[in-house]
Amino acid sequence: MNSCRSHRVIVTVLTALSLYAARNACAQHVTASAEPCTGDNPALFERVEIPEILVPVIVKLLERSQTFRAQCRRIVAAPHLRLAIRLIGAVQPFPVRATVRRSPGGELDARIDLTRVPSQYAEWLGHELEHVIEHLDGVDIRGRARRDDEARELRPGLFETRRATQMGWRVADEFRARRPPVVGTRAAR
């Protein structure tokens, strides 16, 4: 009887250990596979300096725009990038601008300046993040502008690309088209 009881205790302990190991493996898999740059996991805030007032805007963009989420993942995955987004009060000739500088060591220091026009944030953020991504991708924007290859120089040192323009439009369209689900309401009967 003692050997039978010992056997059951061993089986119970081994079962408990295997369930514990399986649960931990599952938890590690979920953590490892948790997609960054979603409304629930806004990894962008860990890598980018963002004014507090823009945090809810960024979360909504992450929830509504697949394109913005992809841009976010690209930014988050670039360890050699330092990015700051700032709100500026004065309207320059251009209400939004990305400035990117490459250090001799290859690091990118980028800044996006936005004027305070909330109705344009979706398009502007998508557009300017794409300019930063163009630099991450090594796009020679100046060379493309000289060849009139989907880029142009608006004034000395200030460039525009078709790619960034289209991405800004796409982010804005996705933002407007996809509304978050309404929770806790019932249909009228």
N, C-alpha and C. Protein backbone atom coordinates (compact mmCIF):
# COMPACT_ATOMS: atom_id res chain seq x y z
N MET A 1 0.80 -1.18 0.00
CA MET A 1 0.00 0.00 0.00
C MET A 1 0.85 1.25 0.00
N ASN A 2 1.94 1.24 0.73
CA ASN A 2 2.84 2.37 0.76
C ASN A 2 3.46 2.64 -0.60
N SER A 3 3.84 1.57 -1.31
CA SER A 3 4.45 1.77 -2.62
C SER A 3 3.43 2.33 -3.60
N CYS A 4 2.17 1.93 -3.46
CA CYS A 4 1.12 2.47 -4.33
C CYS A 4 0.90 3.95 -4.04
N ARG A 5 0.89 4.31 -2.77
CA ARG A 5 0.71 5.70 -2.37
C ARG A 5 1.91 6.53 -2.83
N SER A 6 3.09 6.01 -2.70
CA SER A 6 4.31 6.69 -3.15
C SER A 6 4.26 6.91 -4.66
N HIS A 7 3.79 5.89 -5.35
CA HIS A 7 3.69 5.99 -6.81
C HIS A 7 2.71 7.11 -7.19
N ARG A 8 1.56 7.18 -6.49
CA ARG A 8 0.59 8.24 -6.78
C ARG A 8 1.16 9.62 -6.47
N VAL A 9 1.91 9.74 -5.41
CA VAL A 9 2.52 11.01 -5.05
C VAL A 9 3.52 11.42 -6.13
N ILE A 10 4.32 10.49 -6.57
CA ILE A 10 5.30 10.78 -7.63
C ILE A 10 4.60 11.20 -8.91
N VAL A 11 3.55 10.46 -9.28
CA VAL A 11 2.80 10.79 -10.49
C VAL A 11 2.17 12.18 -10.34
N THR A 12 1.61 12.46 -9.18
CA THR A 12 0.98 13.76 -8.94
C THR A 12 2.01 14.88 -9.03
N VAL A 13 3.17 14.69 -8.42
CA VAL A 13 4.23 15.70 -8.46
C VAL A 13 4.73 15.90 -9.90
N LEU A 14 4.96 14.81 -10.62
CA LEU A 14 5.41 14.92 -12.01
C LEU A 14 4.36 15.60 -12.88
N THR A 15 3.09 15.27 -12.66
CA THR A 15 2.02 15.92 -13.42
C THR A 15 2.00 17.41 -13.12
N ALA A 16 2.09 17.76 -11.84
CA ALA A 16 2.09 19.17 -11.46
C ALA A 16 3.28 19.90 -12.07
N LEU A 17 4.45 19.28 -12.04
CA LEU A 17 5.63 19.90 -12.64
C LEU A 17 5.49 20.08 -14.15
N SER A 18 4.94 19.09 -14.82
CA SER A 18 4.78 19.21 -16.27
C SER A 18 3.74 20.26 -16.62
N LEU A 19 2.65 20.37 -15.82
CA LEU A 19 1.66 21.41 -16.07
C LEU A 19 2.26 22.79 -15.82
N TYR A 20 3.08 22.92 -14.78
CA TYR A 20 3.75 24.19 -14.48
C TYR A 20 4.68 24.57 -15.61
N ALA A 21 5.46 23.60 -16.09
CA ALA A 21 6.38 23.86 -17.21
C ALA A 21 5.62 24.23 -18.47
N ALA A 22 4.53 23.55 -18.74
CA ALA A 22 3.74 23.84 -19.93
C ALA A 22 3.13 25.24 -19.83
N ARG A 23 2.62 25.60 -18.65
CA ARG A 23 2.03 26.93 -18.47
C ARG A 23 3.09 28.02 -18.67
N ASN A 24 4.28 27.82 -18.12
CA ASN A 24 5.35 28.80 -18.29
C ASN A 24 5.80 28.90 -19.74
N ALA A 25 5.88 27.77 -20.43
CA ALA A 25 6.26 27.78 -21.84
C ALA A 25 5.22 28.53 -22.65
N CYS A 26 3.96 28.32 -22.33
CA CYS A 26 2.88 29.00 -23.02
C CYS A 26 2.95 30.51 -22.75
N ALA A 27 3.19 30.89 -21.50
CA ALA A 27 3.29 32.30 -21.15
C ALA A 27 4.46 32.95 -21.87
N GLN A 28 5.61 32.25 -21.95
CA GLN A 28 6.76 32.79 -22.65
C GLN A 28 6.45 32.94 -24.13
N HIS A 29 5.72 31.98 -24.70
CA HIS A 29 5.36 32.06 -26.12
C HIS A 29 4.46 33.26 -26.38
N VAL A 30 3.49 33.48 -25.50
CA VAL A 30 2.59 34.62 -25.68
C VAL A 30 3.38 35.91 -25.55
N THR A 31 4.27 36.01 -24.55
CA THR A 31 5.07 37.21 -24.38
C THR A 31 5.97 37.44 -25.59
N ALA A 32 6.62 36.37 -26.06
CA ALA A 32 7.53 36.50 -27.19
C ALA A 32 6.78 36.85 -28.47
N SER A 33 5.55 36.35 -28.60
CA SER A 33 4.81 36.60 -29.83
C SER A 33 3.88 37.80 -29.73
N ALA A 34 3.81 38.45 -28.56
CA ALA A 34 2.96 39.63 -28.43
C ALA A 34 3.47 40.69 -29.39
N GLU A 35 2.60 41.11 -30.26
CA GLU A 35 2.99 42.04 -31.31
C GLU A 35 3.20 43.44 -30.73
N PRO A 36 4.37 44.01 -30.99
CA PRO A 36 4.57 45.39 -30.52
C PRO A 36 3.78 46.36 -31.40
N CYS A 37 3.64 47.54 -30.91
CA CYS A 37 3.00 48.61 -31.68
C CYS A 37 1.53 48.36 -31.94
N THR A 38 0.82 48.02 -30.88
CA THR A 38 -0.63 47.93 -30.91
C THR A 38 -1.15 48.87 -29.83
N GLY A 39 -2.44 49.06 -29.79
CA GLY A 39 -3.01 49.90 -28.73
C GLY A 39 -2.72 49.35 -27.35
N ASP A 40 -2.63 48.01 -27.25
CA ASP A 40 -2.33 47.38 -25.97
C ASP A 40 -0.84 47.31 -25.67
N ASN A 41 -0.01 47.40 -26.69
CA ASN A 41 1.44 47.30 -26.51
C ASN A 41 2.11 48.40 -27.34
N PRO A 42 1.97 49.65 -26.91
CA PRO A 42 2.51 50.75 -27.69
C PRO A 42 4.02 50.93 -27.47
N ALA A 43 4.80 50.02 -28.00
CA ALA A 43 6.25 50.01 -27.80
C ALA A 43 6.92 51.30 -28.27
N LEU A 44 6.24 52.05 -29.10
CA LEU A 44 6.79 53.30 -29.61
C LEU A 44 7.16 54.25 -28.47
N PHE A 45 6.38 54.23 -27.38
CA PHE A 45 6.62 55.15 -26.27
C PHE A 45 7.93 54.85 -25.55
N GLU A 46 8.43 53.63 -25.67
CA GLU A 46 9.70 53.28 -25.03
C GLU A 46 10.88 53.77 -25.84
N ARG A 47 10.70 54.00 -27.13
CA ARG A 47 11.82 54.34 -28.02
C ARG A 47 11.80 55.78 -28.50
N VAL A 48 10.65 56.43 -28.44
CA VAL A 48 10.51 57.75 -29.04
C VAL A 48 10.05 58.74 -27.98
N GLU A 49 10.65 59.91 -27.99
CA GLU A 49 10.24 60.98 -27.09
C GLU A 49 8.98 61.62 -27.69
N ILE A 50 7.87 61.53 -26.97
CA ILE A 50 6.57 61.98 -27.47
C ILE A 50 5.92 62.87 -26.42
N PRO A 51 5.41 64.04 -26.82
CA PRO A 51 4.71 64.89 -25.84
C PRO A 51 3.49 64.17 -25.28
N GLU A 52 3.23 64.36 -24.02
CA GLU A 52 2.13 63.70 -23.33
C GLU A 52 0.79 63.92 -24.04
N ILE A 53 0.58 65.09 -24.59
CA ILE A 53 -0.69 65.39 -25.25
C ILE A 53 -0.91 64.53 -26.50
N LEU A 54 0.15 64.00 -27.10
CA LEU A 54 0.02 63.17 -28.29
C LEU A 54 -0.18 61.68 -27.97
N VAL A 55 0.00 61.29 -26.72
CA VAL A 55 -0.11 59.87 -26.36
C VAL A 55 -1.46 59.29 -26.77
N PRO A 56 -2.61 59.91 -26.44
CA PRO A 56 -3.88 59.31 -26.87
C PRO A 56 -4.04 59.26 -28.39
N VAL A 57 -3.47 60.23 -29.08
CA VAL A 57 -3.53 60.24 -30.55
C VAL A 57 -2.76 59.05 -31.10
N ILE A 58 -1.56 58.83 -30.57
CA ILE A 58 -0.72 57.72 -31.03
C ILE A 58 -1.41 56.38 -30.75
N VAL A 59 -2.01 56.23 -29.57
CA VAL A 59 -2.71 54.99 -29.24
C VAL A 59 -3.85 54.75 -30.22
N LYS A 60 -4.62 55.78 -30.53
CA LYS A 60 -5.71 55.62 -31.50
C LYS A 60 -5.19 55.27 -32.89
N LEU A 61 -4.08 55.88 -33.29
CA LEU A 61 -3.48 55.53 -34.58
C LEU A 61 -3.05 54.07 -34.59
N LEU A 62 -2.46 53.61 -33.50
CA LEU A 62 -2.04 52.20 -33.42
C LEU A 62 -3.24 51.26 -33.48
N GLU A 63 -4.35 51.66 -32.90
CA GLU A 63 -5.55 50.83 -32.91
C GLU A 63 -6.21 50.80 -34.29
N ARG A 64 -6.16 51.90 -35.01
CA ARG A 64 -6.95 52.04 -36.23
C ARG A 64 -6.19 51.84 -37.54
N SER A 65 -4.87 52.04 -37.53
CA SER A 65 -4.13 52.04 -38.79
C SER A 65 -3.08 50.94 -38.85
N GLN A 66 -3.30 50.00 -39.73
CA GLN A 66 -2.34 48.93 -39.96
C GLN A 66 -1.01 49.50 -40.48
N THR A 67 -1.08 50.50 -41.32
CA THR A 67 0.12 51.13 -41.87
C THR A 67 0.92 51.80 -40.77
N PHE A 68 0.25 52.51 -39.87
CA PHE A 68 0.95 53.17 -38.77
C PHE A 68 1.60 52.14 -37.85
N ARG A 69 0.92 51.01 -37.61
CA ARG A 69 1.52 49.96 -36.79
C ARG A 69 2.80 49.42 -37.44
N ALA A 70 2.78 49.25 -38.75
CA ALA A 70 3.97 48.77 -39.46
C ALA A 70 5.10 49.80 -39.36
N GLN A 71 4.77 51.08 -39.48
CA GLN A 71 5.78 52.12 -39.34
C GLN A 71 6.36 52.10 -37.93
N CYS A 72 5.50 51.95 -36.95
CA CYS A 72 5.93 51.89 -35.56
C CYS A 72 6.91 50.74 -35.35
N ARG A 73 6.56 49.55 -35.87
CA ARG A 73 7.45 48.39 -35.71
C ARG A 73 8.81 48.65 -36.35
N ARG A 74 8.82 49.32 -37.48
CA ARG A 74 10.08 49.64 -38.16
C ARG A 74 10.93 50.59 -37.32
N ILE A 75 10.29 51.59 -36.73
CA ILE A 75 10.99 52.56 -35.88
C ILE A 75 11.53 51.87 -34.62
N VAL A 76 10.69 51.05 -33.99
CA VAL A 76 11.08 50.36 -32.76
C VAL A 76 12.24 49.39 -32.99
N ALA A 77 12.30 48.81 -34.18
CA ALA A 77 13.33 47.82 -34.49
C ALA A 77 14.68 48.44 -34.88
N ALA A 78 14.77 49.75 -34.90
CA ALA A 78 16.01 50.43 -35.31
C ALA A 78 16.79 50.89 -34.09
N PRO A 79 17.74 50.08 -33.62
CA PRO A 79 18.46 50.44 -32.40
C PRO A 79 19.37 51.66 -32.57
N HIS A 80 19.72 52.00 -33.78
CA HIS A 80 20.62 53.13 -34.02
C HIS A 80 19.87 54.44 -34.28
N LEU A 81 18.56 54.45 -33.99
CA LEU A 81 17.73 55.63 -34.21
C LEU A 81 17.33 56.25 -32.89
N ARG A 82 17.46 57.57 -32.82
CA ARG A 82 16.91 58.33 -31.70
C ARG A 82 15.93 59.32 -32.32
N LEU A 83 14.66 59.26 -31.89
CA LEU A 83 13.60 60.07 -32.49
C LEU A 83 12.84 60.82 -31.41
N ALA A 84 12.59 62.09 -31.69
CA ALA A 84 11.76 62.92 -30.81
C ALA A 84 10.69 63.59 -31.65
N ILE A 85 9.47 63.57 -31.13
CA ILE A 85 8.36 64.27 -31.77
C ILE A 85 8.02 65.46 -30.88
N ARG A 86 7.95 66.63 -31.49
CA ARG A 86 7.67 67.85 -30.73
C ARG A 86 6.49 68.59 -31.32
N LEU A 87 5.76 69.26 -30.45
CA LEU A 87 4.71 70.18 -30.90
C LEU A 87 5.30 71.58 -30.85
N ILE A 88 5.12 72.32 -31.94
CA ILE A 88 5.64 73.68 -31.99
C ILE A 88 4.47 74.64 -32.14
N GLY A 89 4.65 75.84 -31.64
CA GLY A 89 3.56 76.81 -31.67
C GLY A 89 3.52 77.63 -32.95
N ALA A 90 4.67 78.09 -33.38
CA ALA A 90 4.71 78.98 -34.55
C ALA A 90 4.58 78.18 -35.84
N VAL A 91 3.80 78.71 -36.76
CA VAL A 91 3.65 78.07 -38.06
C VAL A 91 4.78 78.55 -38.95
N GLN A 92 5.62 77.64 -39.34
CA GLN A 92 6.69 77.94 -40.28
C GLN A 92 6.09 77.88 -41.68
N PRO A 93 6.90 78.07 -42.72
CA PRO A 93 6.35 77.90 -44.07
C PRO A 93 5.72 76.52 -44.25
N PHE A 94 6.17 75.54 -43.47
CA PHE A 94 5.59 74.19 -43.52
C PHE A 94 5.15 73.84 -42.11
N PRO A 95 3.91 73.39 -41.93
CA PRO A 95 3.39 73.15 -40.58
C PRO A 95 3.96 71.90 -39.92
N VAL A 96 4.69 71.10 -40.65
CA VAL A 96 5.26 69.88 -40.11
C VAL A 96 6.57 69.61 -40.85
N ARG A 97 7.53 69.02 -40.12
CA ARG A 97 8.82 68.79 -40.75
C ARG A 97 9.59 67.71 -39.99
N ALA A 98 10.22 66.84 -40.73
CA ALA A 98 11.13 65.84 -40.15
C ALA A 98 12.55 66.27 -40.48
N THR A 99 13.39 66.24 -39.47
CA THR A 99 14.81 66.54 -39.65
C THR A 99 15.58 65.30 -39.21
N VAL A 100 16.43 64.80 -40.09
CA VAL A 100 17.19 63.59 -39.78
C VAL A 100 18.66 63.86 -40.05
N ARG A 101 19.50 63.53 -39.07
CA ARG A 101 20.95 63.68 -39.22
C ARG A 101 21.61 62.35 -38.89
N ARG A 102 22.62 62.01 -39.68
CA ARG A 102 23.37 60.78 -39.46
C ARG A 102 24.72 61.14 -38.86
N SER A 103 25.07 60.50 -37.76
CA SER A 103 26.36 60.75 -37.12
C SER A 103 27.45 59.99 -37.87
N PRO A 104 28.72 60.35 -37.66
CA PRO A 104 29.81 59.60 -38.31
C PRO A 104 29.80 58.11 -37.94
N GLY A 105 29.24 57.77 -36.78
CA GLY A 105 29.15 56.38 -36.35
C GLY A 105 27.96 55.63 -36.94
N GLY A 106 27.11 56.33 -37.70
CA GLY A 106 25.97 55.68 -38.35
C GLY A 106 24.66 55.81 -37.61
N GLU A 107 24.65 56.43 -36.43
CA GLU A 107 23.40 56.61 -35.70
C GLU A 107 22.58 57.70 -36.37
N LEU A 108 21.26 57.53 -36.29
CA LEU A 108 20.35 58.55 -36.83
C LEU A 108 19.72 59.30 -35.68
N ASP A 109 19.77 60.62 -35.78
CA ASP A 109 19.11 61.49 -34.81
C ASP A 109 18.01 62.20 -35.58
N ALA A 110 16.74 61.93 -35.24
CA ALA A 110 15.62 62.47 -35.99
C ALA A 110 14.68 63.24 -35.07
N ARG A 111 14.06 64.24 -35.67
CA ARG A 111 13.08 65.03 -34.94
C ARG A 111 11.93 65.35 -35.89
N ILE A 112 10.73 65.22 -35.37
CA ILE A 112 9.54 65.59 -36.12
C ILE A 112 8.89 66.74 -35.37
N ASP A 113 8.71 67.86 -36.06
CA ASP A 113 8.04 69.03 -35.50
C ASP A 113 6.66 69.15 -36.11
N LEU A 114 5.63 69.22 -35.24
CA LEU A 114 4.24 69.36 -35.69
C LEU A 114 3.66 70.64 -35.11
N THR A 115 2.90 71.38 -35.90
CA THR A 115 2.15 72.48 -35.33
C THR A 115 0.89 71.89 -34.70
N ARG A 116 0.24 72.66 -33.90
CA ARG A 116 -0.92 72.18 -33.13
C ARG A 116 -2.19 72.23 -33.97
N VAL A 117 -2.32 71.25 -34.86
CA VAL A 117 -3.53 71.13 -35.69
C VAL A 117 -3.98 69.67 -35.58
N PRO A 118 -4.71 69.32 -34.50
CA PRO A 118 -5.07 67.92 -34.24
C PRO A 118 -5.76 67.22 -35.40
N SER A 119 -6.53 67.92 -36.21
CA SER A 119 -7.23 67.25 -37.31
C SER A 119 -6.27 66.70 -38.36
N GLN A 120 -5.03 67.12 -38.33
CA GLN A 120 -4.04 66.68 -39.32
C GLN A 120 -3.02 65.68 -38.77
N TYR A 121 -3.09 65.37 -37.47
CA TYR A 121 -2.05 64.55 -36.86
C TYR A 121 -1.90 63.18 -37.52
N ALA A 122 -2.99 62.51 -37.89
CA ALA A 122 -2.88 61.17 -38.48
C ALA A 122 -2.05 61.23 -39.76
N GLU A 123 -2.42 62.13 -40.66
CA GLU A 123 -1.68 62.24 -41.93
C GLU A 123 -0.25 62.70 -41.71
N TRP A 124 -0.07 63.71 -40.87
CA TRP A 124 1.26 64.25 -40.68
C TRP A 124 2.19 63.25 -40.01
N LEU A 125 1.71 62.55 -38.99
CA LEU A 125 2.58 61.57 -38.33
C LEU A 125 2.94 60.44 -39.28
N GLY A 126 1.97 59.92 -40.03
CA GLY A 126 2.27 58.87 -41.00
C GLY A 126 3.27 59.34 -42.04
N HIS A 127 3.10 60.56 -42.51
CA HIS A 127 3.98 61.15 -43.52
C HIS A 127 5.40 61.32 -42.99
N GLU A 128 5.52 61.96 -41.84
CA GLU A 128 6.86 62.27 -41.31
C GLU A 128 7.58 61.02 -40.80
N LEU A 129 6.85 60.07 -40.22
CA LEU A 129 7.50 58.80 -39.84
C LEU A 129 8.06 58.11 -41.07
N GLU A 130 7.36 58.21 -42.19
CA GLU A 130 7.86 57.59 -43.42
C GLU A 130 9.15 58.25 -43.89
N HIS A 131 9.28 59.55 -43.71
CA HIS A 131 10.56 60.20 -44.04
C HIS A 131 11.69 59.62 -43.19
N VAL A 132 11.42 59.41 -41.91
CA VAL A 132 12.43 58.81 -41.03
C VAL A 132 12.77 57.40 -41.52
N ILE A 133 11.75 56.64 -41.90
CA ILE A 133 11.95 55.27 -42.38
C ILE A 133 12.74 55.28 -43.70
N GLU A 134 12.50 56.27 -44.55
CA GLU A 134 13.29 56.38 -45.78
C GLU A 134 14.77 56.48 -45.44
N HIS A 135 15.10 57.23 -44.41
CA HIS A 135 16.51 57.34 -43.98
C HIS A 135 17.00 56.01 -43.42
N LEU A 136 16.15 55.32 -42.65
CA LEU A 136 16.54 53.99 -42.15
C LEU A 136 16.82 53.03 -43.31
N ASP A 137 16.04 53.17 -44.38
CA ASP A 137 16.19 52.31 -45.56
C ASP A 137 17.35 52.73 -46.46
N GLY A 138 17.99 53.86 -46.13
CA GLY A 138 19.12 54.31 -46.93
C GLY A 138 18.73 54.96 -48.25
N VAL A 139 17.51 55.48 -48.34
CA VAL A 139 17.06 56.13 -49.57
C VAL A 139 17.85 57.43 -49.77
N ASP A 140 18.39 57.62 -50.96
CA ASP A 140 19.11 58.85 -51.31
C ASP A 140 18.09 59.85 -51.85
N ILE A 141 17.46 60.57 -50.95
CA ILE A 141 16.39 61.48 -51.32
C ILE A 141 16.92 62.63 -52.17
N ARG A 142 18.07 63.15 -51.81
CA ARG A 142 18.67 64.24 -52.57
C ARG A 142 18.95 63.79 -54.01
N GLY A 143 19.52 62.60 -54.17
CA GLY A 143 19.80 62.04 -55.49
C GLY A 143 18.52 61.81 -56.29
N ARG A 144 17.52 61.31 -55.63
CA ARG A 144 16.23 61.09 -56.32
C ARG A 144 15.63 62.41 -56.78
N ALA A 145 15.75 63.43 -55.95
CA ALA A 145 15.21 64.74 -56.34
C ALA A 145 15.97 65.28 -57.56
N ARG A 146 17.29 65.09 -57.59
CA ARG A 146 18.07 65.54 -58.76
C ARG A 146 17.62 64.81 -60.03
N ARG A 147 17.25 63.54 -59.90
CA ARG A 147 16.81 62.75 -61.06
C ARG A 147 15.30 62.87 -61.30
N ASP A 148 14.62 63.65 -60.48
CA ASP A 148 13.16 63.77 -60.56
C ASP A 148 12.51 62.38 -60.46
N ASP A 149 13.01 61.58 -59.49
CA ASP A 149 12.56 60.20 -59.29
C ASP A 149 11.70 60.12 -58.03
N GLU A 150 10.46 60.55 -58.12
CA GLU A 150 9.49 60.51 -57.02
C GLU A 150 9.93 61.28 -55.79
N ALA A 151 10.78 62.29 -56.01
CA ALA A 151 11.21 63.19 -54.94
C ALA A 151 11.50 64.55 -55.56
N ARG A 152 11.32 65.58 -54.74
CA ARG A 152 11.65 66.92 -55.24
C ARG A 152 12.17 67.77 -54.10
N GLU A 153 12.96 68.75 -54.46
CA GLU A 153 13.49 69.69 -53.48
C GLU A 153 12.58 70.91 -53.49
N LEU A 154 11.90 71.17 -52.37
CA LEU A 154 10.96 72.28 -52.29
C LEU A 154 11.68 73.62 -52.16
N ARG A 155 12.75 73.60 -51.43
CA ARG A 155 13.67 74.74 -51.29
C ARG A 155 14.98 74.13 -50.81
N PRO A 156 16.08 74.86 -50.85
CA PRO A 156 17.37 74.24 -50.51
C PRO A 156 17.33 73.48 -49.17
N GLY A 157 17.61 72.19 -49.26
CA GLY A 157 17.67 71.33 -48.09
C GLY A 157 16.34 70.79 -47.60
N LEU A 158 15.24 71.13 -48.25
CA LEU A 158 13.92 70.66 -47.84
C LEU A 158 13.32 69.83 -48.97
N PHE A 159 13.11 68.53 -48.68
CA PHE A 159 12.70 67.59 -49.71
C PHE A 159 11.33 66.99 -49.42
N GLU A 160 10.69 66.58 -50.48
CA GLU A 160 9.42 65.86 -50.37
C GLU A 160 9.49 64.63 -51.26
N THR A 161 8.86 63.54 -50.79
CA THR A 161 8.84 62.31 -51.58
C THR A 161 7.41 61.83 -51.77
N ARG A 162 7.20 61.17 -52.87
CA ARG A 162 5.89 60.59 -53.15
C ARG A 162 5.57 59.51 -52.11
N ARG A 163 6.57 58.73 -51.74
CA ARG A 163 6.39 57.64 -50.78
C ARG A 163 5.82 58.17 -49.46
N ALA A 164 6.41 59.24 -48.92
CA ALA A 164 5.93 59.79 -47.64
C ALA A 164 4.53 60.38 -47.79
N THR A 165 4.29 61.05 -48.90
CA THR A 165 2.97 61.63 -49.14
C THR A 165 1.90 60.54 -49.17
N GLN A 166 2.17 59.47 -49.90
CA GLN A 166 1.20 58.39 -50.00
C GLN A 166 0.99 57.68 -48.67
N MET A 167 2.05 57.49 -47.90
CA MET A 167 1.91 56.84 -46.59
C MET A 167 1.10 57.72 -45.64
N GLY A 168 1.29 59.02 -45.69
CA GLY A 168 0.50 59.92 -44.85
C GLY A 168 -0.98 59.82 -45.20
N TRP A 169 -1.28 59.80 -46.48
CA TRP A 169 -2.68 59.66 -46.91
C TRP A 169 -3.27 58.33 -46.46
N ARG A 170 -2.47 57.26 -46.59
CA ARG A 170 -2.96 55.93 -46.21
C ARG A 170 -3.26 55.86 -44.71
N VAL A 171 -2.35 56.38 -43.89
CA VAL A 171 -2.58 56.37 -42.44
C VAL A 171 -3.84 57.16 -42.11
N ALA A 172 -4.00 58.33 -42.71
CA ALA A 172 -5.18 59.16 -42.45
C ALA A 172 -6.47 58.44 -42.89
N ASP A 173 -6.43 57.81 -44.06
CA ASP A 173 -7.60 57.07 -44.54
C ASP A 173 -7.97 55.92 -43.60
N GLU A 174 -6.96 55.16 -43.17
CA GLU A 174 -7.21 54.04 -42.25
C GLU A 174 -7.73 54.55 -40.91
N PHE A 175 -7.20 55.66 -40.46
CA PHE A 175 -7.64 56.24 -39.19
C PHE A 175 -9.11 56.63 -39.26
N ARG A 176 -9.50 57.28 -40.35
CA ARG A 176 -10.90 57.72 -40.49
C ARG A 176 -11.85 56.56 -40.76
N ALA A 177 -11.39 55.56 -41.49
CA ALA A 177 -12.27 54.46 -41.91
C ALA A 177 -12.57 53.48 -40.79
N ARG A 178 -11.67 53.29 -39.89
CA ARG A 178 -11.82 52.26 -38.87
C ARG A 178 -12.10 52.89 -37.53
N ARG A 179 -13.30 52.73 -37.08
CA ARG A 179 -13.69 53.25 -35.77
C ARG A 179 -13.58 52.13 -34.75
N PRO A 180 -13.16 52.45 -33.54
CA PRO A 180 -13.10 51.40 -32.51
C PRO A 180 -14.50 50.89 -32.19
N PRO A 181 -14.61 49.63 -31.76
CA PRO A 181 -15.93 49.07 -31.46
C PRO A 181 -16.57 49.78 -30.28
N VAL A 182 -17.90 49.90 -30.32
CA VAL A 182 -18.65 50.50 -29.22
C VAL A 182 -18.90 49.39 -28.21
N VAL A 183 -18.53 49.63 -26.98
CA VAL A 183 -18.63 48.62 -25.93
C VAL A 183 -19.73 49.00 -24.96
N GLY A 184 -20.52 48.01 -24.55
CA GLY A 184 -21.51 48.22 -23.50
C GLY A 184 -22.81 48.86 -23.95
N THR A 185 -23.08 48.86 -25.24
CA THR A 185 -24.35 49.40 -25.68
C THR A 185 -25.20 48.28 -26.25
N ARG A 186 -26.50 48.44 -26.18
CA ARG A 186 -27.40 47.43 -26.72
C ARG A 186 -28.16 48.05 -27.88
N ALA A 187 -28.45 47.21 -28.83
CA ALA A 187 -29.27 47.66 -29.96
C ALA A 187 -30.68 47.91 -29.48
N ALA A 188 -31.30 48.95 -30.02
CA ALA A 188 -32.69 49.27 -29.66
C ALA A 188 -33.60 48.18 -30.21
N ARG A 189 -34.61 47.82 -29.42
CA ARG A 189 -35.55 46.77 -29.86
C ARG A 189 -36.85 47.37 -30.30
